[in-house]
Amino acid sequence: MENLGINLYFGPDCHIRQHRNRIYKILSKIGYDPKPKIFEFLSSQNTFAFAYPLKEKPIILQNFIPNEILGLPEKNKRVAINALNNFFLTPNSQLLPLDIQYINCSFTGANKVLKSTDELLEITYNQPEFFFMNIAFLEESHNAGLIVIPDELIKIARENNLHQFQYKSLSEQDIANQQKIFNEYIIKISK
């Protein structure tokens, strides 16, 4: 196989080193050898698109879908399912199913949520260090109609603007606040 290289595109909140290592693992598993040259492109926006002009370098663009392009049905639902399944996946299990979106000129159905709501909540309660991130993904899935979570968790998510922690690291202050809110929540549900 000719070693042409691979382009990776990152938004500002991405952990490039972790993704680079993951790409090498995936390529190794599918037999891509030797390691390809990795070309990294950083966008100032978290949501972006890219274009490949002929005989020129790739260009990072604002993300939009032209009017003449038929959009992916239930896109928000698919994104929420994939994000939830990915975040609550057993570490290093490599069991996340591919989201094949189009086969034989037809859109396919969305993947299923891999864990029950009870399993997701159990994981959340047993991971105080990921409490804010877990709730952020649970709330997104709740809003997409995929699962139903307790009202108190929705309230915590909204009052603390937790959706930002799906892709953003917690600061020292956020970590302290997370621990305080987790402890209060556990005491409240234990009564």
N, C-alpha and C. Protein backbone atom coordinates (compact mmCIF):
# COMPACT_ATOMS: atom_id res chain seq x y z
N MET A 1 0.85 -1.18 0.00
CA MET A 1 0.00 0.00 0.00
C MET A 1 0.89 1.24 0.00
N GLU A 2 0.63 2.15 -0.91
CA GLU A 2 1.43 3.37 -1.01
C GLU A 2 1.16 4.26 0.20
N ASN A 3 2.20 4.83 0.77
CA ASN A 3 2.09 5.65 1.97
C ASN A 3 1.89 7.11 1.56
N LEU A 4 0.62 7.52 1.40
CA LEU A 4 0.31 8.86 0.94
C LEU A 4 0.15 9.87 2.06
N GLY A 5 -0.26 9.44 3.21
CA GLY A 5 -0.49 10.36 4.33
C GLY A 5 -1.97 10.51 4.62
N ILE A 6 -2.26 11.04 5.79
CA ILE A 6 -3.63 11.22 6.25
C ILE A 6 -3.77 12.63 6.80
N ASN A 7 -4.86 13.29 6.43
CA ASN A 7 -5.16 14.61 6.96
C ASN A 7 -6.08 14.48 8.15
N LEU A 8 -5.73 15.14 9.26
CA LEU A 8 -6.57 15.18 10.45
C LEU A 8 -6.95 16.63 10.71
N TYR A 9 -8.23 16.86 11.00
CA TYR A 9 -8.73 18.21 11.24
C TYR A 9 -9.23 18.29 12.67
N PHE A 10 -8.83 19.36 13.38
CA PHE A 10 -9.16 19.50 14.79
C PHE A 10 -9.75 20.87 15.06
N GLY A 11 -10.71 20.90 15.99
CA GLY A 11 -11.22 22.16 16.51
C GLY A 11 -10.36 22.59 17.68
N PRO A 12 -10.59 23.77 18.23
CA PRO A 12 -9.71 24.31 19.28
C PRO A 12 -9.74 23.54 20.60
N ASP A 13 -10.82 22.80 20.87
CA ASP A 13 -10.92 22.10 22.15
C ASP A 13 -10.45 20.65 22.08
N CYS A 14 -9.92 20.24 20.95
CA CYS A 14 -9.53 18.84 20.76
C CYS A 14 -8.16 18.54 21.37
N HIS A 15 -8.01 17.33 21.87
CA HIS A 15 -6.74 16.86 22.40
C HIS A 15 -6.03 16.10 21.27
N ILE A 16 -5.22 16.82 20.51
CA ILE A 16 -4.63 16.28 19.29
C ILE A 16 -3.83 15.01 19.56
N ARG A 17 -3.03 14.97 20.60
CA ARG A 17 -2.17 13.81 20.86
C ARG A 17 -2.99 12.53 21.04
N GLN A 18 -4.11 12.63 21.78
CA GLN A 18 -4.95 11.46 22.00
C GLN A 18 -5.54 10.96 20.68
N HIS A 19 -5.97 11.87 19.82
CA HIS A 19 -6.55 11.46 18.55
C HIS A 19 -5.50 10.88 17.62
N ARG A 20 -4.29 11.44 17.64
CA ARG A 20 -3.22 10.92 16.79
C ARG A 20 -2.92 9.48 17.18
N ASN A 21 -2.81 9.20 18.46
CA ASN A 21 -2.55 7.82 18.92
C ASN A 21 -3.69 6.89 18.52
N ARG A 22 -4.92 7.36 18.63
CA ARG A 22 -6.07 6.54 18.26
C ARG A 22 -6.05 6.23 16.76
N ILE A 23 -5.71 7.22 15.95
CA ILE A 23 -5.64 7.01 14.49
C ILE A 23 -4.60 5.94 14.17
N TYR A 24 -3.43 6.01 14.81
CA TYR A 24 -2.39 5.00 14.56
C TYR A 24 -2.87 3.60 14.96
N LYS A 25 -3.61 3.49 16.07
CA LYS A 25 -4.14 2.19 16.49
C LYS A 25 -5.11 1.64 15.45
N ILE A 26 -6.01 2.51 14.98
CA ILE A 26 -7.00 2.07 13.98
C ILE A 26 -6.29 1.63 12.71
N LEU A 27 -5.33 2.41 12.24
CA LEU A 27 -4.63 2.07 11.00
C LEU A 27 -3.85 0.77 11.15
N SER A 28 -3.28 0.54 12.32
CA SER A 28 -2.56 -0.69 12.56
C SER A 28 -3.51 -1.89 12.50
N LYS A 29 -4.70 -1.74 13.10
CA LYS A 29 -5.67 -2.84 13.12
C LYS A 29 -6.16 -3.20 11.72
N ILE A 30 -6.22 -2.23 10.82
CA ILE A 30 -6.69 -2.53 9.47
C ILE A 30 -5.53 -2.84 8.52
N GLY A 31 -4.32 -2.93 9.06
CA GLY A 31 -3.18 -3.36 8.27
C GLY A 31 -2.48 -2.28 7.48
N TYR A 32 -2.67 -1.03 7.84
CA TYR A 32 -2.01 0.09 7.14
C TYR A 32 -0.60 0.22 7.70
N ASP A 33 0.39 -0.19 6.91
CA ASP A 33 1.78 -0.17 7.36
C ASP A 33 2.67 0.22 6.19
N PRO A 34 3.67 1.03 6.35
CA PRO A 34 4.14 1.64 7.59
C PRO A 34 3.23 2.80 8.01
N LYS A 35 3.55 3.38 9.20
CA LYS A 35 2.76 4.51 9.67
C LYS A 35 2.75 5.61 8.62
N PRO A 36 1.56 6.10 8.31
CA PRO A 36 1.49 7.18 7.31
C PRO A 36 1.93 8.51 7.91
N LYS A 37 2.29 9.43 7.05
CA LYS A 37 2.57 10.79 7.50
C LYS A 37 1.23 11.41 7.86
N ILE A 38 1.19 12.05 9.01
CA ILE A 38 -0.04 12.69 9.47
C ILE A 38 0.09 14.20 9.23
N PHE A 39 -0.89 14.76 8.53
CA PHE A 39 -0.95 16.20 8.31
C PHE A 39 -2.06 16.74 9.20
N GLU A 40 -1.73 17.64 10.10
CA GLU A 40 -2.72 18.15 11.06
C GLU A 40 -3.12 19.57 10.71
N PHE A 41 -4.41 19.81 10.74
CA PHE A 41 -4.97 21.12 10.45
C PHE A 41 -5.83 21.54 11.63
N LEU A 42 -5.59 22.72 12.18
CA LEU A 42 -6.33 23.21 13.33
C LEU A 42 -7.28 24.32 12.90
N SER A 43 -8.55 24.17 13.25
CA SER A 43 -9.55 25.18 12.95
C SER A 43 -9.78 26.02 14.20
N SER A 44 -10.13 27.27 14.02
CA SER A 44 -10.46 28.13 15.17
C SER A 44 -11.89 27.87 15.63
N GLN A 45 -12.65 27.08 14.86
CA GLN A 45 -14.04 26.77 15.20
C GLN A 45 -14.17 25.29 15.54
N ASN A 46 -15.04 24.98 16.50
CA ASN A 46 -15.28 23.58 16.84
C ASN A 46 -16.07 22.85 15.76
N THR A 47 -16.92 23.56 15.05
CA THR A 47 -17.69 22.96 13.96
C THR A 47 -17.18 23.55 12.66
N PHE A 48 -16.71 22.70 11.78
CA PHE A 48 -16.11 23.19 10.54
C PHE A 48 -16.25 22.13 9.46
N ALA A 49 -15.97 22.54 8.24
CA ALA A 49 -15.95 21.64 7.09
C ALA A 49 -14.61 21.83 6.40
N PHE A 50 -14.33 21.03 5.41
CA PHE A 50 -13.08 21.21 4.67
C PHE A 50 -13.30 20.87 3.22
N ALA A 51 -12.45 21.47 2.38
CA ALA A 51 -12.53 21.25 0.94
C ALA A 51 -11.16 20.85 0.44
N TYR A 52 -11.14 20.08 -0.63
CA TYR A 52 -9.89 19.63 -1.25
C TYR A 52 -9.81 20.14 -2.68
N PRO A 53 -9.36 21.39 -2.87
CA PRO A 53 -9.18 21.86 -4.25
C PRO A 53 -8.12 21.01 -4.95
N LEU A 54 -8.29 20.78 -6.25
CA LEU A 54 -7.32 19.98 -6.99
C LEU A 54 -5.95 20.64 -6.97
N LYS A 55 -4.93 19.85 -6.66
CA LYS A 55 -3.53 20.27 -6.67
C LYS A 55 -3.24 21.44 -5.73
N GLU A 56 -4.04 21.57 -4.66
CA GLU A 56 -3.80 22.60 -3.65
C GLU A 56 -3.95 21.98 -2.27
N LYS A 57 -3.54 22.72 -1.26
CA LYS A 57 -3.71 22.24 0.11
C LYS A 57 -5.19 22.29 0.50
N PRO A 58 -5.59 21.41 1.42
CA PRO A 58 -6.98 21.46 1.90
C PRO A 58 -7.27 22.81 2.56
N ILE A 59 -8.54 23.19 2.51
CA ILE A 59 -8.98 24.45 3.09
C ILE A 59 -10.02 24.15 4.15
N ILE A 60 -9.91 24.79 5.31
CA ILE A 60 -10.91 24.66 6.37
C ILE A 60 -11.93 25.77 6.17
N LEU A 61 -13.21 25.38 6.17
CA LEU A 61 -14.31 26.31 5.90
C LEU A 61 -15.30 26.35 7.06
N GLN A 62 -16.15 27.37 7.04
CA GLN A 62 -17.28 27.39 7.96
C GLN A 62 -18.18 26.22 7.60
N ASN A 63 -18.72 25.55 8.59
CA ASN A 63 -19.56 24.38 8.35
C ASN A 63 -20.96 24.81 7.91
N PHE A 64 -21.38 24.37 6.75
CA PHE A 64 -22.73 24.60 6.28
C PHE A 64 -23.07 23.52 5.26
N ILE A 65 -24.36 23.34 5.03
CA ILE A 65 -24.81 22.38 4.03
C ILE A 65 -25.52 23.18 2.94
N PRO A 66 -25.05 23.10 1.71
CA PRO A 66 -25.73 23.82 0.63
C PRO A 66 -27.19 23.37 0.50
N ASN A 67 -28.06 24.26 0.06
CA ASN A 67 -29.50 23.98 -0.04
C ASN A 67 -29.80 22.77 -0.91
N GLU A 68 -28.99 22.53 -1.93
CA GLU A 68 -29.29 21.43 -2.86
C GLU A 68 -28.89 20.06 -2.31
N ILE A 69 -28.22 20.02 -1.17
CA ILE A 69 -27.79 18.75 -0.57
C ILE A 69 -28.86 18.28 0.42
N LEU A 70 -29.29 17.04 0.27
CA LEU A 70 -30.25 16.45 1.18
C LEU A 70 -29.54 16.10 2.48
N GLY A 71 -30.00 16.67 3.58
CA GLY A 71 -29.36 16.45 4.87
C GLY A 71 -29.66 15.08 5.45
N LEU A 72 -28.83 14.65 6.36
CA LEU A 72 -28.99 13.37 7.04
C LEU A 72 -30.25 13.39 7.89
N PRO A 73 -31.20 12.47 7.67
CA PRO A 73 -32.41 12.43 8.50
C PRO A 73 -32.06 12.15 9.97
N GLU A 74 -32.77 12.79 10.85
CA GLU A 74 -32.59 12.60 12.29
C GLU A 74 -31.13 12.82 12.71
N LYS A 75 -30.48 13.80 12.12
CA LYS A 75 -29.06 14.03 12.40
C LYS A 75 -28.79 14.24 13.89
N ASN A 76 -29.59 15.09 14.55
CA ASN A 76 -29.35 15.36 15.98
C ASN A 76 -29.49 14.10 16.82
N LYS A 77 -30.45 13.26 16.47
CA LYS A 77 -30.64 12.00 17.18
C LYS A 77 -29.41 11.10 16.98
N ARG A 78 -28.94 10.99 15.75
CA ARG A 78 -27.77 10.14 15.45
C ARG A 78 -26.55 10.64 16.21
N VAL A 79 -26.34 11.94 16.18
CA VAL A 79 -25.18 12.53 16.86
C VAL A 79 -25.26 12.24 18.36
N ALA A 80 -26.45 12.42 18.94
CA ALA A 80 -26.62 12.17 20.38
C ALA A 80 -26.37 10.70 20.73
N ILE A 81 -26.88 9.78 19.90
CA ILE A 81 -26.67 8.35 20.15
C ILE A 81 -25.18 8.01 20.09
N ASN A 82 -24.51 8.47 19.05
CA ASN A 82 -23.09 8.16 18.89
C ASN A 82 -22.26 8.77 20.01
N ALA A 83 -22.58 10.00 20.40
CA ALA A 83 -21.83 10.65 21.49
C ALA A 83 -22.05 9.91 22.81
N LEU A 84 -23.30 9.57 23.09
CA LEU A 84 -23.61 8.85 24.34
C LEU A 84 -22.92 7.49 24.36
N ASN A 85 -23.08 6.72 23.28
CA ASN A 85 -22.45 5.39 23.22
C ASN A 85 -20.93 5.50 23.36
N ASN A 86 -20.34 6.48 22.70
CA ASN A 86 -18.90 6.65 22.75
C ASN A 86 -18.44 7.02 24.16
N PHE A 87 -19.14 7.96 24.80
CA PHE A 87 -18.69 8.43 26.11
C PHE A 87 -18.86 7.37 27.19
N PHE A 88 -19.89 6.56 27.09
CA PHE A 88 -20.15 5.56 28.13
C PHE A 88 -19.62 4.17 27.76
N LEU A 89 -18.80 4.10 26.74
CA LEU A 89 -18.20 2.85 26.31
C LEU A 89 -17.13 2.41 27.31
N THR A 90 -17.03 1.13 27.56
CA THR A 90 -15.97 0.61 28.42
C THR A 90 -14.62 1.01 27.80
N PRO A 91 -13.72 1.62 28.60
CA PRO A 91 -12.44 2.08 28.03
C PRO A 91 -11.69 0.97 27.30
N ASN A 92 -11.13 1.33 26.16
CA ASN A 92 -10.31 0.44 25.32
C ASN A 92 -11.03 -0.81 24.82
N SER A 93 -12.36 -0.80 24.86
CA SER A 93 -13.09 -2.00 24.42
C SER A 93 -13.20 -2.08 22.90
N GLN A 94 -13.07 -0.95 22.21
CA GLN A 94 -13.17 -0.92 20.74
C GLN A 94 -14.49 -1.51 20.25
N LEU A 95 -15.58 -1.33 21.03
CA LEU A 95 -16.86 -1.92 20.68
C LEU A 95 -17.87 -0.93 20.12
N LEU A 96 -17.48 0.30 19.90
CA LEU A 96 -18.40 1.29 19.37
C LEU A 96 -18.78 0.92 17.93
N PRO A 97 -20.07 0.71 17.67
CA PRO A 97 -20.45 0.33 16.30
C PRO A 97 -20.28 1.50 15.34
N LEU A 98 -19.93 1.19 14.10
CA LEU A 98 -19.85 2.21 13.07
C LEU A 98 -21.25 2.75 12.80
N ASP A 99 -21.32 4.02 12.50
CA ASP A 99 -22.59 4.62 12.11
C ASP A 99 -22.58 4.75 10.59
N ILE A 100 -22.98 3.69 9.92
CA ILE A 100 -23.04 3.69 8.46
C ILE A 100 -24.35 4.38 8.08
N GLN A 101 -24.23 5.51 7.42
CA GLN A 101 -25.38 6.38 7.23
C GLN A 101 -26.07 6.23 5.88
N TYR A 102 -25.40 5.61 4.93
CA TYR A 102 -25.96 5.57 3.58
C TYR A 102 -25.52 4.28 2.90
N ILE A 103 -26.48 3.48 2.44
CA ILE A 103 -26.18 2.23 1.72
C ILE A 103 -27.16 2.10 0.56
N ASN A 104 -26.64 1.74 -0.60
CA ASN A 104 -27.48 1.49 -1.78
C ASN A 104 -28.50 2.59 -2.04
N CYS A 105 -28.01 3.82 -2.07
CA CYS A 105 -28.84 4.99 -2.41
C CYS A 105 -29.93 5.29 -1.38
N SER A 106 -29.78 4.81 -0.16
CA SER A 106 -30.77 5.07 0.89
C SER A 106 -30.07 5.36 2.21
N PHE A 107 -30.68 6.27 2.98
CA PHE A 107 -30.18 6.51 4.32
C PHE A 107 -30.54 5.32 5.20
N THR A 108 -29.66 4.97 6.12
CA THR A 108 -29.91 3.87 7.04
C THR A 108 -30.51 4.42 8.33
N GLY A 109 -31.00 3.52 9.18
CA GLY A 109 -31.51 3.93 10.49
C GLY A 109 -30.36 4.23 11.43
N ALA A 110 -30.66 4.95 12.48
CA ALA A 110 -29.66 5.29 13.50
C ALA A 110 -29.29 4.05 14.31
N ASN A 111 -28.10 4.07 14.87
CA ASN A 111 -27.69 3.03 15.81
C ASN A 111 -28.59 3.10 17.04
N LYS A 112 -28.50 2.11 17.87
CA LYS A 112 -29.26 2.06 19.13
C LYS A 112 -28.36 2.51 20.28
N VAL A 113 -28.98 3.01 21.35
CA VAL A 113 -28.24 3.30 22.57
C VAL A 113 -27.83 1.96 23.16
N LEU A 114 -26.54 1.81 23.48
CA LEU A 114 -25.99 0.51 23.88
C LEU A 114 -26.30 0.12 25.33
N LYS A 115 -26.54 1.10 26.18
CA LYS A 115 -26.79 0.80 27.60
C LYS A 115 -28.17 1.31 27.99
N SER A 116 -28.77 0.64 28.96
CA SER A 116 -30.08 1.09 29.45
C SER A 116 -29.89 2.37 30.27
N THR A 117 -30.97 3.09 30.49
CA THR A 117 -30.90 4.30 31.31
C THR A 117 -30.40 3.96 32.71
N ASP A 118 -30.85 2.86 33.27
CA ASP A 118 -30.38 2.46 34.61
C ASP A 118 -28.87 2.23 34.62
N GLU A 119 -28.35 1.58 33.58
CA GLU A 119 -26.90 1.37 33.49
C GLU A 119 -26.15 2.70 33.37
N LEU A 120 -26.68 3.61 32.57
CA LEU A 120 -26.04 4.91 32.39
C LEU A 120 -26.03 5.70 33.70
N LEU A 121 -27.14 5.66 34.42
CA LEU A 121 -27.21 6.36 35.71
C LEU A 121 -26.29 5.72 36.74
N GLU A 122 -26.21 4.41 36.74
CA GLU A 122 -25.30 3.71 37.67
C GLU A 122 -23.85 4.12 37.42
N ILE A 123 -23.47 4.18 36.16
CA ILE A 123 -22.11 4.63 35.80
C ILE A 123 -21.89 6.05 36.30
N THR A 124 -22.88 6.91 36.07
CA THR A 124 -22.78 8.31 36.49
C THR A 124 -22.58 8.42 38.00
N TYR A 125 -23.33 7.65 38.76
CA TYR A 125 -23.22 7.72 40.23
C TYR A 125 -21.91 7.14 40.73
N ASN A 126 -21.30 6.25 39.96
CA ASN A 126 -20.04 5.63 40.37
C ASN A 126 -18.81 6.34 39.81
N GLN A 127 -19.01 7.44 39.12
CA GLN A 127 -17.88 8.19 38.56
C GLN A 127 -17.97 9.67 38.95
N PRO A 128 -17.74 9.97 40.22
CA PRO A 128 -17.85 11.38 40.63
C PRO A 128 -16.90 12.30 39.88
N GLU A 129 -15.77 11.77 39.43
CA GLU A 129 -14.80 12.60 38.71
C GLU A 129 -15.26 12.96 37.30
N PHE A 130 -16.31 12.29 36.80
CA PHE A 130 -16.88 12.59 35.48
C PHE A 130 -18.35 13.02 35.57
N PHE A 131 -18.78 13.41 36.75
CA PHE A 131 -20.19 13.72 37.00
C PHE A 131 -20.72 14.77 36.01
N PHE A 132 -20.03 15.88 35.84
CA PHE A 132 -20.50 16.94 34.94
C PHE A 132 -20.54 16.45 33.50
N MET A 133 -19.50 15.77 33.06
CA MET A 133 -19.46 15.29 31.67
C MET A 133 -20.55 14.24 31.44
N ASN A 134 -20.70 13.31 32.38
CA ASN A 134 -21.74 12.30 32.24
C ASN A 134 -23.12 12.93 32.11
N ILE A 135 -23.40 13.89 32.98
CA ILE A 135 -24.72 14.55 32.93
C ILE A 135 -24.89 15.31 31.62
N ALA A 136 -23.83 15.93 31.13
CA ALA A 136 -23.92 16.67 29.86
C ALA A 136 -24.38 15.74 28.73
N PHE A 137 -23.79 14.56 28.64
CA PHE A 137 -24.18 13.61 27.59
C PHE A 137 -25.58 13.02 27.85
N LEU A 138 -25.89 12.78 29.12
CA LEU A 138 -27.23 12.27 29.44
C LEU A 138 -28.30 13.30 29.09
N GLU A 139 -28.04 14.57 29.41
CA GLU A 139 -29.02 15.62 29.10
C GLU A 139 -29.24 15.74 27.59
N GLU A 140 -28.16 15.71 26.81
CA GLU A 140 -28.30 15.79 25.35
C GLU A 140 -29.17 14.65 24.83
N SER A 141 -28.95 13.45 25.35
CA SER A 141 -29.74 12.29 24.92
C SER A 141 -31.19 12.40 25.39
N HIS A 142 -31.37 12.95 26.57
CA HIS A 142 -32.73 13.19 27.08
C HIS A 142 -33.45 14.18 26.18
N ASN A 143 -32.77 15.27 25.83
CA ASN A 143 -33.38 16.30 24.97
C ASN A 143 -33.70 15.76 23.58
N ALA A 144 -32.92 14.78 23.12
CA ALA A 144 -33.17 14.16 21.81
C ALA A 144 -34.25 13.09 21.88
N GLY A 145 -34.80 12.83 23.09
CA GLY A 145 -35.87 11.85 23.25
C GLY A 145 -35.40 10.41 23.28
N LEU A 146 -34.11 10.21 23.53
CA LEU A 146 -33.55 8.85 23.53
C LEU A 146 -33.69 8.15 24.87
N ILE A 147 -33.57 8.90 25.94
CA ILE A 147 -33.67 8.37 27.29
C ILE A 147 -34.43 9.38 28.15
N VAL A 148 -34.85 8.95 29.32
CA VAL A 148 -35.47 9.85 30.28
C VAL A 148 -34.62 9.80 31.54
N ILE A 149 -34.15 10.99 31.96
CA ILE A 149 -33.33 11.06 33.18
C ILE A 149 -34.08 11.85 34.24
N PRO A 150 -33.70 11.68 35.50
CA PRO A 150 -34.39 12.39 36.59
C PRO A 150 -34.37 13.91 36.40
N ASP A 151 -35.48 14.53 36.79
CA ASP A 151 -35.60 16.00 36.68
C ASP A 151 -34.46 16.71 37.39
N GLU A 152 -34.03 16.16 38.50
CA GLU A 152 -32.95 16.81 39.27
C GLU A 152 -31.66 16.88 38.46
N LEU A 153 -31.37 15.86 37.67
CA LEU A 153 -30.16 15.90 36.83
C LEU A 153 -30.30 16.93 35.71
N ILE A 154 -31.51 17.06 35.18
CA ILE A 154 -31.75 18.09 34.15
C ILE A 154 -31.54 19.47 34.77
N LYS A 155 -32.04 19.65 35.95
CA LYS A 155 -31.89 20.94 36.66
C LYS A 155 -30.41 21.25 36.90
N ILE A 156 -29.65 20.26 37.35
CA ILE A 156 -28.21 20.44 37.58
C ILE A 156 -27.52 20.81 36.26
N ALA A 157 -27.88 20.10 35.18
CA ALA A 157 -27.26 20.36 33.88
C ALA A 157 -27.52 21.79 33.42
N ARG A 158 -28.74 22.23 33.54
CA ARG A 158 -29.10 23.57 33.04
C ARG A 158 -28.57 24.68 33.93
N GLU A 159 -28.67 24.51 35.25
CA GLU A 159 -28.19 25.55 36.17
C GLU A 159 -26.68 25.74 36.08
N ASN A 160 -25.96 24.69 35.71
CA ASN A 160 -24.50 24.76 35.67
C ASN A 160 -23.92 24.77 34.26
N ASN A 161 -24.82 24.90 33.26
CA ASN A 161 -24.37 25.01 31.87
C ASN A 161 -23.44 23.84 31.51
N LEU A 162 -23.86 22.62 31.82
CA LEU A 162 -22.98 21.46 31.69
C LEU A 162 -22.74 21.00 30.26
N HIS A 163 -23.58 21.40 29.32
CA HIS A 163 -23.38 20.96 27.93
C HIS A 163 -21.98 21.32 27.42
N GLN A 164 -21.39 22.39 27.97
CA GLN A 164 -20.04 22.79 27.56
C GLN A 164 -18.99 21.73 27.88
N PHE A 165 -19.26 20.86 28.83
CA PHE A 165 -18.26 19.88 29.26
C PHE A 165 -18.28 18.59 28.44
N GLN A 166 -19.09 18.55 27.40
CA GLN A 166 -19.02 17.40 26.52
C GLN A 166 -17.66 17.37 25.80
N TYR A 167 -17.14 18.54 25.51
CA TYR A 167 -15.90 18.60 24.73
C TYR A 167 -14.87 19.55 25.32
N LYS A 168 -15.11 20.01 26.51
CA LYS A 168 -14.21 20.97 27.16
C LYS A 168 -13.77 20.39 28.50
N SER A 169 -12.50 20.55 28.82
CA SER A 169 -11.98 20.06 30.10
C SER A 169 -12.44 20.96 31.24
N LEU A 170 -12.53 20.37 32.41
CA LEU A 170 -12.92 21.12 33.60
C LEU A 170 -11.72 21.86 34.17
N SER A 171 -11.95 23.10 34.61
CA SER A 171 -10.91 23.87 35.30
C SER A 171 -10.85 23.39 36.75
N GLU A 172 -9.87 23.88 37.49
CA GLU A 172 -9.77 23.53 38.92
C GLU A 172 -11.05 23.94 39.65
N GLN A 173 -11.57 25.11 39.33
CA GLN A 173 -12.80 25.59 39.96
C GLN A 173 -13.98 24.70 39.58
N ASP A 174 -14.05 24.28 38.31
CA ASP A 174 -15.12 23.39 37.87
C ASP A 174 -15.05 22.05 38.60
N ILE A 175 -13.85 21.54 38.80
CA ILE A 175 -13.67 20.26 39.50
C ILE A 175 -14.18 20.35 40.93
N ALA A 176 -13.85 21.46 41.60
CA ALA A 176 -14.32 21.66 42.98
C ALA A 176 -15.84 21.78 43.02
N ASN A 177 -16.41 22.51 42.07
CA ASN A 177 -17.86 22.67 41.99
C ASN A 177 -18.54 21.34 41.68
N GLN A 178 -17.94 20.56 40.80
CA GLN A 178 -18.47 19.24 40.45
C GLN A 178 -18.53 18.35 41.68
N GLN A 179 -17.47 18.33 42.47
CA GLN A 179 -17.44 17.49 43.68
C GLN A 179 -18.51 17.91 44.67
N LYS A 180 -18.67 19.22 44.85
CA LYS A 180 -19.68 19.75 45.77
C LYS A 180 -21.08 19.35 45.31
N ILE A 181 -21.39 19.56 44.04
CA ILE A 181 -22.72 19.26 43.51
C ILE A 181 -22.98 17.75 43.51
N PHE A 182 -21.95 16.96 43.18
CA PHE A 182 -22.10 15.50 43.23
C PHE A 182 -22.45 15.05 44.64
N ASN A 183 -21.71 15.53 45.63
CA ASN A 183 -21.97 15.15 47.03
C ASN A 183 -23.39 15.54 47.45
N GLU A 184 -23.81 16.75 47.10
CA GLU A 184 -25.16 17.19 47.44
C GLU A 184 -26.22 16.31 46.77
N TYR A 185 -25.97 15.96 45.52
CA TYR A 185 -26.93 15.13 44.78
C TYR A 185 -27.02 13.72 45.39
N ILE A 186 -25.91 13.13 45.70
CA ILE A 186 -25.90 11.77 46.27
C ILE A 186 -26.64 11.77 47.63
N ILE A 187 -26.41 12.80 48.43
CA ILE A 187 -27.12 12.89 49.72
C ILE A 187 -28.62 13.01 49.48
N LYS A 188 -29.00 13.82 48.50
CA LYS A 188 -30.41 14.05 48.21
C LYS A 188 -31.10 12.77 47.73
N ILE A 189 -30.46 12.00 46.86
CA ILE A 189 -31.12 10.78 46.36
C ILE A 189 -31.05 9.63 47.37
N SER A 190 -30.19 9.74 48.37
CA SER A 190 -30.07 8.69 49.38
C SER A 190 -31.15 8.77 50.45
N LYS A 191 -31.86 9.91 50.51
CA LYS A 191 -32.89 10.09 51.54
C LYS A 191 -34.12 9.30 51.24
